[in-house]
Amino acid sequence: MKTRNRWILSAVAIAAVLVLHEVLLRWMDEGNVVASLFAADGHVPMMTLALACLFLAVRLVAVLFLPGLILSAIVGWLLSRRDVPGKPAGAGHPTSATRN
């Protein structure tokens, strides 16, 4: 049961990061935030700057780290399923056979 709760919590966290990324992306696109950030004047609201920095951090996590974390979790789960209870570790694996 603990493993299932861990998987559910991980899935919720991944979904939250992806939803936050999409919401911030739509907000930046709709409000033309990039144009106002690159404008020559210094009249950009602090909230806009803070949300743009938050978007960069969330994008870094969503694009760079999440795919690797998801892939490593899947590989770890597959490798843990390989060791079947009741069998010695490595039984049935081609390299575990003794050579004469």
PDB file of N, CA and C in Angstrom:
ATOM      1  N   MET A   1       0.818  -1.202   0.000  1.00  0.00           N
ATOM      2  CA  MET A   1       0.000   0.000   0.000  1.00  0.00           C
ATOM      3  C   MET A   1       0.860   1.265   0.000  1.00  0.00           C
ATOM      4  N   LYS A   2       2.024   1.198   0.671  1.00  0.00           N
ATOM      5  CA  LYS A   2       2.900   2.362   0.703  1.00  0.00           C
ATOM      6  C   LYS A   2       3.404   2.715  -0.690  1.00  0.00           C
ATOM      7  N   THR A   3       3.730   1.699  -1.468  1.00  0.00           N
ATOM      8  CA  THR A   3       4.230   1.940  -2.816  1.00  0.00           C
ATOM      9  C   THR A   3       3.164   2.606  -3.668  1.00  0.00           C
ATOM     10  N   ARG A   4       1.935   2.167  -3.514  1.00  0.00           N
ATOM     11  CA  ARG A   4       0.840   2.750  -4.298  1.00  0.00           C
ATOM     12  C   ARG A   4       0.638   4.221  -3.924  1.00  0.00           C
ATOM     13  N   ASN A   5       0.688   4.527  -2.642  1.00  0.00           N
ATOM     14  CA  ASN A   5       0.537   5.918  -2.211  1.00  0.00           C
ATOM     15  C   ASN A   5       1.685   6.780  -2.733  1.00  0.00           C
ATOM     16  N   ARG A   6       2.894   6.209  -2.773  1.00  0.00           N
ATOM     17  CA  ARG A   6       4.032   6.954  -3.296  1.00  0.00           C
ATOM     18  C   ARG A   6       3.851   7.251  -4.778  1.00  0.00           C
ATOM     19  N   TRP A   7       3.352   6.274  -5.530  1.00  0.00           N
ATOM     20  CA  TRP A   7       3.113   6.479  -6.962  1.00  0.00           C
ATOM     21  C   TRP A   7       2.034   7.531  -7.188  1.00  0.00           C
ATOM     22  N   ILE A   8       0.982   7.488  -6.381  1.00  0.00           N
ATOM     23  CA  ILE A   8      -0.103   8.470  -6.523  1.00  0.00           C
ATOM     24  C   ILE A   8       0.396   9.871  -6.196  1.00  0.00           C
ATOM     25  N   LEU A   9       1.178  10.003  -5.127  1.00  0.00           N
ATOM     26  CA  LEU A   9       1.720  11.304  -4.755  1.00  0.00           C
ATOM     27  C   LEU A   9       2.661  11.837  -5.832  1.00  0.00           C
ATOM     28  N   SER A  10       3.469  10.961  -6.395  1.00  0.00           N
ATOM     29  CA  SER A  10       4.374  11.373  -7.477  1.00  0.00           C
ATOM     30  C   SER A  10       3.588  11.822  -8.704  1.00  0.00           C
ATOM     31  N   ALA A  11       2.543  11.084  -9.052  1.00  0.00           N
ATOM     32  CA  ALA A  11       1.727  11.448 -10.210  1.00  0.00           C
ATOM     33  C   ALA A  11       1.037  12.796 -10.005  1.00  0.00           C
ATOM     34  N   VAL A  12       0.574  13.053  -8.796  1.00  0.00           N
ATOM     35  CA  VAL A  12      -0.081  14.330  -8.504  1.00  0.00           C
ATOM     36  C   VAL A  12       0.934  15.477  -8.594  1.00  0.00           C
ATOM     37  N   ALA A  13       2.141  15.264  -8.081  1.00  0.00           N
ATOM     38  CA  ALA A  13       3.170  16.305  -8.148  1.00  0.00           C
ATOM     39  C   ALA A  13       3.577  16.589  -9.587  1.00  0.00           C
ATOM     40  N   ILE A  14       3.719  15.552 -10.385  1.00  0.00           N
ATOM     41  CA  ILE A  14       4.068  15.732 -11.802  1.00  0.00           C
ATOM     42  C   ILE A  14       2.958  16.476 -12.530  1.00  0.00           C
ATOM     43  N   ALA A  15       1.719  16.090 -12.271  1.00  0.00           N
ATOM     44  CA  ALA A  15       0.586  16.768 -12.910  1.00  0.00           C
ATOM     45  C   ALA A  15       0.525  18.233 -12.486  1.00  0.00           C
ATOM     46  N   ALA A  16       0.804  18.519 -11.220  1.00  0.00           N
ATOM     47  CA  ALA A  16       0.769  19.906 -10.742  1.00  0.00           C
ATOM     48  C   ALA A  16       1.830  20.756 -11.428  1.00  0.00           C
ATOM     49  N   VAL A  17       3.028  20.211 -11.595  1.00  0.00           N
ATOM     50  CA  VAL A  17       4.096  20.960 -12.278  1.00  0.00           C
ATOM     51  C   VAL A  17       3.715  21.220 -13.729  1.00  0.00           C
ATOM     52  N   LEU A  18       3.177  20.214 -14.397  1.00  0.00           N
ATOM     53  CA  LEU A  18       2.803  20.386 -15.799  1.00  0.00           C
ATOM     54  C   LEU A  18       1.635  21.360 -15.976  1.00  0.00           C
ATOM     55  N   VAL A  19       0.665  21.321 -15.073  1.00  0.00           N
ATOM     56  CA  VAL A  19      -0.467  22.257 -15.149  1.00  0.00           C
ATOM     57  C   VAL A  19       0.014  23.680 -14.876  1.00  0.00           C
ATOM     58  N   LEU A  20       0.875  23.848 -13.862  1.00  0.00           N
ATOM     59  CA  LEU A  20       1.409  25.177 -13.568  1.00  0.00           C
ATOM     60  C   LEU A  20       2.217  25.708 -14.750  1.00  0.00           C
ATOM     61  N   HIS A  21       2.980  24.845 -15.375  1.00  0.00           N
ATOM     62  CA  HIS A  21       3.752  25.251 -16.565  1.00  0.00           C
ATOM     63  C   HIS A  21       2.813  25.725 -17.676  1.00  0.00           C
ATOM     64  N   GLU A  22       1.766  24.978 -17.913  1.00  0.00           N
ATOM     65  CA  GLU A  22       0.833  25.338 -18.988  1.00  0.00           C
ATOM     66  C   GLU A  22       0.085  26.636 -18.673  1.00  0.00           C
ATOM     67  N   VAL A  23      -0.327  26.826 -17.428  1.00  0.00           N
ATOM     68  CA  VAL A  23      -1.033  28.053 -17.037  1.00  0.00           C
ATOM     69  C   VAL A  23      -0.122  29.264 -17.196  1.00  0.00           C
ATOM     70  N   LEU A  24       1.125  29.151 -16.719  1.00  0.00           N
ATOM     71  CA  LEU A  24       2.054  30.274 -16.853  1.00  0.00           C
ATOM     72  C   LEU A  24       2.398  30.541 -18.317  1.00  0.00           C
ATOM     73  N   LEU A  25       2.523  29.487 -19.104  1.00  0.00           N
ATOM     74  CA  LEU A  25       2.801  29.661 -20.536  1.00  0.00           C
ATOM     75  C   LEU A  25       1.665  30.403 -21.224  1.00  0.00           C
ATOM     76  N   ARG A  26       0.426  30.025 -20.942  1.00  0.00           N
ATOM     77  CA  ARG A  26      -0.732  30.709 -21.551  1.00  0.00           C
ATOM     78  C   ARG A  26      -0.807  32.160 -21.091  1.00  0.00           C
ATOM     79  N   TRP A  27      -0.503  32.401 -19.800  1.00  0.00           N
ATOM     80  CA  TRP A  27      -0.545  33.762 -19.278  1.00  0.00           C
ATOM     81  C   TRP A  27       0.501  34.638 -19.966  1.00  0.00           C
ATOM     82  N   MET A  28       1.709  34.092 -20.134  1.00  0.00           N
ATOM     83  CA  MET A  28       2.757  34.876 -20.774  1.00  0.00           C
ATOM     84  C   MET A  28       2.441  35.148 -22.241  1.00  0.00           C
ATOM     85  N   ASP A  29       1.839  34.188 -22.896  1.00  0.00           N
ATOM     86  CA  ASP A  29       1.489  34.352 -24.306  1.00  0.00           C
ATOM     87  C   ASP A  29       0.347  35.348 -24.468  1.00  0.00           C
ATOM     88  N   GLU A  30      -0.646  35.232 -23.617  1.00  0.00           N
ATOM     89  CA  GLU A  30      -1.833  36.078 -23.719  1.00  0.00           C
ATOM     90  C   GLU A  30      -1.527  37.527 -23.359  1.00  0.00           C
ATOM     91  N   GLY A  31      -0.714  37.728 -22.333  1.00  0.00           N
ATOM     92  CA  GLY A  31      -0.431  39.084 -21.866  1.00  0.00           C
ATOM     93  C   GLY A  31       0.745  39.743 -22.542  1.00  0.00           C
ATOM     94  N   ASN A  32       1.362  39.061 -23.501  1.00  0.00           N
ATOM     95  CA  ASN A  32       2.510  39.597 -24.215  1.00  0.00           C
ATOM     96  C   ASN A  32       3.588  40.052 -23.229  1.00  0.00           C
ATOM     97  N   VAL A  33       3.882  39.178 -22.278  1.00  0.00           N
ATOM     98  CA  VAL A  33       4.801  39.491 -21.195  1.00  0.00           C
ATOM     99  C   VAL A  33       6.228  39.666 -21.701  1.00  0.00           C
ATOM    100  N   VAL A  34       6.629  38.869 -22.663  1.00  0.00           N
ATOM    101  CA  VAL A  34       8.000  38.946 -23.156  1.00  0.00           C
ATOM    102  C   VAL A  34       8.280  40.314 -23.762  1.00  0.00           C
ATOM    103  N   ALA A  35       7.340  40.842 -24.487  1.00  0.00           N
ATOM    104  CA  ALA A  35       7.532  42.168 -25.094  1.00  0.00           C
ATOM    105  C   ALA A  35       7.660  43.234 -24.008  1.00  0.00           C
ATOM    106  N   SER A  36       6.888  43.123 -22.960  1.00  0.00           N
ATOM    107  CA  SER A  36       6.990  44.123 -21.897  1.00  0.00           C
ATOM    108  C   SER A  36       8.269  43.963 -21.082  1.00  0.00           C
ATOM    109  N   LEU A  37       8.787  42.734 -20.982  1.00  0.00           N
ATOM    110  CA  LEU A  37      10.044  42.540 -20.267  1.00  0.00           C
ATOM    111  C   LEU A  37      11.231  43.119 -21.041  1.00  0.00           C
ATOM    112  N   PHE A  38      11.186  43.018 -22.360  1.00  0.00           N
ATOM    113  CA  PHE A  38      12.274  43.532 -23.186  1.00  0.00           C
ATOM    114  C   PHE A  38      12.087  44.991 -23.572  1.00  0.00           C
ATOM    115  N   ALA A  39      11.037  45.635 -23.100  1.00  0.00           N
ATOM    116  CA  ALA A  39      10.814  47.052 -23.418  1.00  0.00           C
ATOM    117  C   ALA A  39      11.902  47.899 -22.759  1.00  0.00           C
ATOM    118  N   ALA A  40      12.144  49.056 -23.334  1.00  0.00           N
ATOM    119  CA  ALA A  40      13.231  49.909 -22.859  1.00  0.00           C
ATOM    120  C   ALA A  40      12.899  50.617 -21.551  1.00  0.00           C
ATOM    121  N   ASP A  41      11.635  50.781 -21.254  1.00  0.00           N
ATOM    122  CA  ASP A  41      11.289  51.506 -20.031  1.00  0.00           C
ATOM    123  C   ASP A  41      11.368  50.584 -18.811  1.00  0.00           C
ATOM    124  N   GLY A  42      11.396  51.152 -17.646  1.00  0.00           N
ATOM    125  CA  GLY A  42      11.484  50.388 -16.400  1.00  0.00           C
ATOM    126  C   GLY A  42      10.153  50.289 -15.685  1.00  0.00           C
ATOM    127  N   HIS A  43       9.068  50.249 -16.436  1.00  0.00           N
ATOM    128  CA  HIS A  43       7.741  50.249 -15.822  1.00  0.00           C
ATOM    129  C   HIS A  43       7.080  48.878 -15.851  1.00  0.00           C
ATOM    130  N   VAL A  44       7.859  47.848 -15.681  1.00  0.00           N
ATOM    131  CA  VAL A  44       7.299  46.497 -15.647  1.00  0.00           C
ATOM    132  C   VAL A  44       6.918  46.199 -14.203  1.00  0.00           C
ATOM    133  N   PRO A  45       5.664  45.799 -13.957  1.00  0.00           N
ATOM    134  CA  PRO A  45       5.259  45.497 -12.580  1.00  0.00           C
ATOM    135  C   PRO A  45       6.088  44.360 -11.981  1.00  0.00           C
ATOM    136  N   MET A  46       6.335  44.458 -10.680  1.00  0.00           N
ATOM    137  CA  MET A  46       7.135  43.442  -9.998  1.00  0.00           C
ATOM    138  C   MET A  46       6.469  42.075 -10.045  1.00  0.00           C
ATOM    139  N   MET A  47       5.145  42.039 -10.031  1.00  0.00           N
ATOM    140  CA  MET A  47       4.432  40.761 -10.099  1.00  0.00           C
ATOM    141  C   MET A  47       4.696  40.073 -11.433  1.00  0.00           C
ATOM    142  N   THR A  48       4.765  40.841 -12.497  1.00  0.00           N
ATOM    143  CA  THR A  48       5.070  40.281 -13.811  1.00  0.00           C
ATOM    144  C   THR A  48       6.474  39.697 -13.835  1.00  0.00           C
ATOM    145  N   LEU A  49       7.426  40.412 -13.255  1.00  0.00           N
ATOM    146  CA  LEU A  49       8.793  39.903 -13.193  1.00  0.00           C
ATOM    147  C   LEU A  49       8.878  38.628 -12.349  1.00  0.00           C
ATOM    148  N   ALA A  50       8.178  38.613 -11.231  1.00  0.00           N
ATOM    149  CA  ALA A  50       8.210  37.441 -10.352  1.00  0.00           C
ATOM    150  C   ALA A  50       7.586  36.225 -11.035  1.00  0.00           C
ATOM    151  N   LEU A  51       6.463  36.422 -11.714  1.00  0.00           N
ATOM    152  CA  LEU A  51       5.829  35.304 -12.401  1.00  0.00           C
ATOM    153  C   LEU A  51       6.640  34.826 -13.601  1.00  0.00           C
ATOM    154  N   ALA A  52       7.343  35.744 -14.258  1.00  0.00           N
ATOM    155  CA  ALA A  52       8.219  35.335 -15.360  1.00  0.00           C
ATOM    156  C   ALA A  52       9.384  34.494 -14.839  1.00  0.00           C
ATOM    157  N   CYS A  53       9.942  34.873 -13.696  1.00  0.00           N
ATOM    158  CA  CYS A  53      11.014  34.063 -13.081  1.00  0.00           C
ATOM    159  C   CYS A  53      10.474  32.713 -12.628  1.00  0.00           C
ATOM    160  N   LEU A  54       9.270  32.688 -12.077  1.00  0.00           N
ATOM    161  CA  LEU A  54       8.650  31.429 -11.681  1.00  0.00           C
ATOM    162  C   LEU A  54       8.441  30.535 -12.900  1.00  0.00           C
ATOM    163  N   PHE A  55       8.021  31.132 -14.001  1.00  0.00           N
ATOM    164  CA  PHE A  55       7.841  30.356 -15.225  1.00  0.00           C
ATOM    165  C   PHE A  55       9.151  29.726 -15.683  1.00  0.00           C
ATOM    166  N   LEU A  56      10.238  30.483 -15.630  1.00  0.00           N
ATOM    167  CA  LEU A  56      11.530  29.932 -16.035  1.00  0.00           C
ATOM    168  C   LEU A  56      11.941  28.757 -15.156  1.00  0.00           C
ATOM    169  N   ALA A  57      11.716  28.870 -13.850  1.00  0.00           N
ATOM    170  CA  ALA A  57      12.066  27.778 -12.945  1.00  0.00           C
ATOM    171  C   ALA A  57      11.189  26.549 -13.187  1.00  0.00           C
ATOM    172  N   VAL A  58       9.891  26.770 -13.371  1.00  0.00           N
ATOM    173  CA  VAL A  58       8.968  25.652 -13.622  1.00  0.00           C
ATOM    174  C   VAL A  58       9.280  25.011 -14.966  1.00  0.00           C
ATOM    175  N   ARG A  59       9.611  25.804 -15.958  1.00  0.00           N
ATOM    176  CA  ARG A  59       9.950  25.251 -17.278  1.00  0.00           C
ATOM    177  C   ARG A  59      11.222  24.418 -17.214  1.00  0.00           C
ATOM    178  N   LEU A  60      12.189  24.876 -16.450  1.00  0.00           N
ATOM    179  CA  LEU A  60      13.419  24.119 -16.276  1.00  0.00           C
ATOM    180  C   LEU A  60      13.122  22.745 -15.673  1.00  0.00           C
ATOM    181  N   VAL A  61      12.279  22.711 -14.667  1.00  0.00           N
ATOM    182  CA  VAL A  61      11.915  21.431 -14.029  1.00  0.00           C
ATOM    183  C   VAL A  61      11.101  20.573 -14.991  1.00  0.00           C
ATOM    184  N   ALA A  62      10.112  21.172 -15.642  1.00  0.00           N
ATOM    185  CA  ALA A  62       9.190  20.394 -16.489  1.00  0.00           C
ATOM    186  C   ALA A  62       9.863  19.836 -17.729  1.00  0.00           C
ATOM    187  N   VAL A  63      10.790  20.574 -18.309  1.00  0.00           N
ATOM    188  CA  VAL A  63      11.389  20.143 -19.570  1.00  0.00           C
ATOM    189  C   VAL A  63      12.682  19.363 -19.357  1.00  0.00           C
ATOM    190  N   LEU A  64      13.443  19.741 -18.349  1.00  0.00           N
ATOM    191  CA  LEU A  64      14.758  19.135 -18.175  1.00  0.00           C
ATOM    192  C   LEU A  64      14.743  17.975 -17.180  1.00  0.00           C
ATOM    193  N   PHE A  65      14.103  18.140 -16.035  1.00  0.00           N
ATOM    194  CA  PHE A  65      14.208  17.145 -14.973  1.00  0.00           C
ATOM    195  C   PHE A  65      13.099  16.098 -14.968  1.00  0.00           C
ATOM    196  N   LEU A  66      11.863  16.490 -15.244  1.00  0.00           N
ATOM    197  CA  LEU A  66      10.748  15.536 -15.149  1.00  0.00           C
ATOM    198  C   LEU A  66      10.872  14.329 -16.078  1.00  0.00           C
ATOM    199  N   PRO A  67      11.249  14.487 -17.327  1.00  0.00           N
ATOM    200  CA  PRO A  67      11.370  13.281 -18.169  1.00  0.00           C
ATOM    201  C   PRO A  67      12.376  12.277 -17.618  1.00  0.00           C
ATOM    202  N   GLY A  68      13.507  12.746 -17.123  1.00  0.00           N
ATOM    203  CA  GLY A  68      14.495  11.841 -16.539  1.00  0.00           C
ATOM    204  C   GLY A  68      14.003  11.184 -15.266  1.00  0.00           C
ATOM    205  N   LEU A  69      13.307  11.947 -14.426  1.00  0.00           N
ATOM    206  CA  LEU A  69      12.771  11.371 -13.191  1.00  0.00           C
ATOM    207  C   LEU A  69      11.709  10.318 -13.480  1.00  0.00           C
ATOM    208  N   ILE A  70      10.858  10.591 -14.444  1.00  0.00           N
ATOM    209  CA  ILE A  70       9.815   9.624 -14.797  1.00  0.00           C
ATOM    210  C   ILE A  70      10.435   8.362 -15.376  1.00  0.00           C
ATOM    211  N   LEU A  71      11.392   8.531 -16.271  1.00  0.00           N
ATOM    212  CA  LEU A  71      12.049   7.373 -16.873  1.00  0.00           C
ATOM    213  C   LEU A  71      12.801   6.541 -15.831  1.00  0.00           C
ATOM    214  N   SER A  72      13.495   7.193 -14.913  1.00  0.00           N
ATOM    215  CA  SER A  72      14.220   6.442 -13.891  1.00  0.00           C
ATOM    216  C   SER A  72      13.267   5.723 -12.935  1.00  0.00           C
ATOM    217  N   ALA A  73      12.116   6.314 -12.657  1.00  0.00           N
ATOM    218  CA  ALA A  73      11.135   5.644 -11.809  1.00  0.00           C
ATOM    219  C   ALA A  73      10.566   4.409 -12.501  1.00  0.00           C
ATOM    220  N   ILE A  74      10.305   4.517 -13.791  1.00  0.00           N
ATOM    221  CA  ILE A  74       9.775   3.367 -14.534  1.00  0.00           C
ATOM    222  C   ILE A  74      10.811   2.251 -14.607  1.00  0.00           C
ATOM    223  N   VAL A  75      12.061   2.608 -14.875  1.00  0.00           N
ATOM    224  CA  VAL A  75      13.117   1.598 -14.950  1.00  0.00           C
ATOM    225  C   VAL A  75      13.329   0.956 -13.589  1.00  0.00           C
ATOM    226  N   GLY A  76      13.318   1.736 -12.526  1.00  0.00           N
ATOM    227  CA  GLY A  76      13.443   1.177 -11.178  1.00  0.00           C
ATOM    228  C   GLY A  76      12.309   0.229 -10.848  1.00  0.00           C
ATOM    229  N   TRP A  77      11.104   0.596 -11.255  1.00  0.00           N
ATOM    230  CA  TRP A  77       9.960  -0.281 -11.007  1.00  0.00           C
ATOM    231  C   TRP A  77      10.097  -1.577 -11.799  1.00  0.00           C
ATOM    232  N   LEU A  78      10.519  -1.483 -13.055  1.00  0.00           N
ATOM    233  CA  LEU A  78      10.693  -2.690 -13.871  1.00  0.00           C
ATOM    234  C   LEU A  78      11.791  -3.586 -13.313  1.00  0.00           C
ATOM    235  N   LEU A  79      12.871  -3.003 -12.840  1.00  0.00           N
ATOM    236  CA  LEU A  79      13.945  -3.805 -12.269  1.00  0.00           C
ATOM    237  C   LEU A  79      13.534  -4.443 -10.945  1.00  0.00           C
ATOM    238  N   SER A  80      12.709  -3.772 -10.175  1.00  0.00           N
ATOM    239  CA  SER A  80      12.252  -4.369  -8.920  1.00  0.00           C
ATOM    240  C   SER A  80      11.267  -5.505  -9.173  1.00  0.00           C
ATOM    241  N   ARG A  81      10.554  -5.463 -10.278  1.00  0.00           N
ATOM    242  CA  ARG A  81       9.612  -6.536 -10.622  1.00  0.00           C
ATOM    243  C   ARG A  81      10.342  -7.775 -11.123  1.00  0.00           C
ATOM    244  N   ARG A  82      11.600  -7.602 -11.536  1.00  0.00           N
ATOM    245  CA  ARG A  82      12.371  -8.705 -12.071  1.00  0.00           C
ATOM    246  C   ARG A  82      12.711  -9.739 -11.009  1.00  0.00           C
ATOM    247  N   ASP A  83      12.955  -9.321  -9.776  1.00  0.00           N
ATOM    248  CA  ASP A  83      13.259 -10.238  -8.688  1.00  0.00           C
ATOM    249  C   ASP A  83      11.958 -10.760  -8.102  1.00  0.00           C
ATOM    250  N   VAL A  84      11.628 -11.997  -8.426  1.00  0.00           N
ATOM    251  CA  VAL A  84      10.384 -12.611  -7.993  1.00  0.00           C
ATOM    252  C   VAL A  84      10.608 -13.259  -6.634  1.00  0.00           C
ATOM    253  N   PRO A  85       9.695 -13.049  -5.660  1.00  0.00           N
ATOM    254  CA  PRO A  85       9.850 -13.700  -4.366  1.00  0.00           C
ATOM    255  C   PRO A  85       9.791 -15.225  -4.512  1.00  0.00           C
ATOM    256  N   GLY A  86      10.617 -15.919  -3.763  1.00  0.00           N
ATOM    257  CA  GLY A  86      10.635 -17.373  -3.816  1.00  0.00           C
ATOM    258  C   GLY A  86      11.720 -17.910  -4.714  1.00  0.00           C
ATOM    259  N   LYS A  87      12.290 -17.074  -5.552  1.00  0.00           N
ATOM    260  CA  LYS A  87      13.391 -17.471  -6.418  1.00  0.00           C
ATOM    261  C   LYS A  87      14.649 -16.789  -5.920  1.00  0.00           C
ATOM    262  N   PRO A  88      15.767 -17.438  -6.037  1.00  0.00           N
ATOM    263  CA  PRO A  88      17.005 -16.740  -5.683  1.00  0.00           C
ATOM    264  C   PRO A  88      17.249 -15.574  -6.642  1.00  0.00           C
ATOM    265  N   ALA A  89      17.901 -14.553  -6.142  1.00  0.00           N
ATOM    266  CA  ALA A  89      18.168 -13.379  -6.979  1.00  0.00           C
ATOM    267  C   ALA A  89      19.018 -13.780  -8.166  1.00  0.00           C
ATOM    268  N   GLY A  90      18.602 -13.394  -9.340  1.00  0.00           N
ATOM    269  CA  GLY A  90      19.350 -13.696 -10.555  1.00  0.00           C
ATOM    270  C   GLY A  90      19.029 -15.041 -11.161  1.00  0.00           C
ATOM    271  N   ALA A  91      18.103 -15.813 -10.583  1.00  0.00           N
ATOM    272  CA  ALA A  91      17.766 -17.124 -11.138  1.00  0.00           C
ATOM    273  C   ALA A  91      17.093 -16.939 -12.489  1.00  0.00           C
ATOM    274  N   GLY A  92      17.530 -17.700 -13.454  1.00  0.00           N
ATOM    275  CA  GLY A  92      16.949 -17.615 -14.784  1.00  0.00           C
ATOM    276  C   GLY A  92      17.631 -16.603 -15.665  1.00  0.00           C
ATOM    277  N   HIS A  93      18.548 -15.869 -15.105  1.00  0.00           N
ATOM    278  CA  HIS A  93      19.285 -14.892 -15.892  1.00  0.00           C
ATOM    279  C   HIS A  93      20.433 -15.604 -16.601  1.00  0.00           C
ATOM    280  N   PRO A  94      20.687 -15.312 -17.867  1.00  0.00           N
ATOM    281  CA  PRO A  94      21.699 -16.058 -18.624  1.00  0.00           C
ATOM    282  C   PRO A  94      23.106 -15.988 -18.027  1.00  0.00           C
ATOM    283  N   THR A  95      23.430 -14.908 -17.357  1.00  0.00           N
ATOM    284  CA  THR A  95      24.782 -14.816 -16.799  1.00  0.00           C
ATOM    285  C   THR A  95      24.925 -15.512 -15.467  1.00  0.00           C
ATOM    286  N   SER A  96      23.817 -15.976 -14.891  1.00  0.00           N
ATOM    287  CA  SER A  96      23.884 -16.632 -13.592  1.00  0.00           C
ATOM    288  C   SER A  96      24.238 -18.119 -13.702  1.00  0.00           C
ATOM    289  N   ALA A  97      24.190 -18.670 -14.895  1.00  0.00           N
ATOM    290  CA  ALA A  97      24.503 -20.098 -15.075  1.00  0.00           C
ATOM    291  C   ALA A  97      25.999 -20.312 -14.898  1.00  0.00           C
ATOM    292  N   THR A  98      26.348 -21.425 -14.265  1.00  0.00           N
ATOM    293  CA  THR A  98      27.764 -21.739 -14.079  1.00  0.00           C
ATOM    294  C   THR A  98      28.272 -22.458 -15.308  1.00  0.00           C
ATOM    295  N   ARG A  99      29.499 -22.168 -15.652  1.00  0.00           N
ATOM    296  CA  ARG A  99      30.078 -22.795 -16.832  1.00  0.00           C
ATOM    297  C   ARG A  99      31.012 -23.914 -16.380  1.00  0.00           C
ATOM    298  N   ASN A 100      31.019 -25.018 -17.151  1.00  0.00           N
ATOM    299  CA  ASN A 100      31.891 -26.170 -16.818  1.00  0.00           C
ATOM    300  C   ASN A 100      33.153 -26.127 -17.606  1.00  0.00           C
TER     301      ASN A 100
END
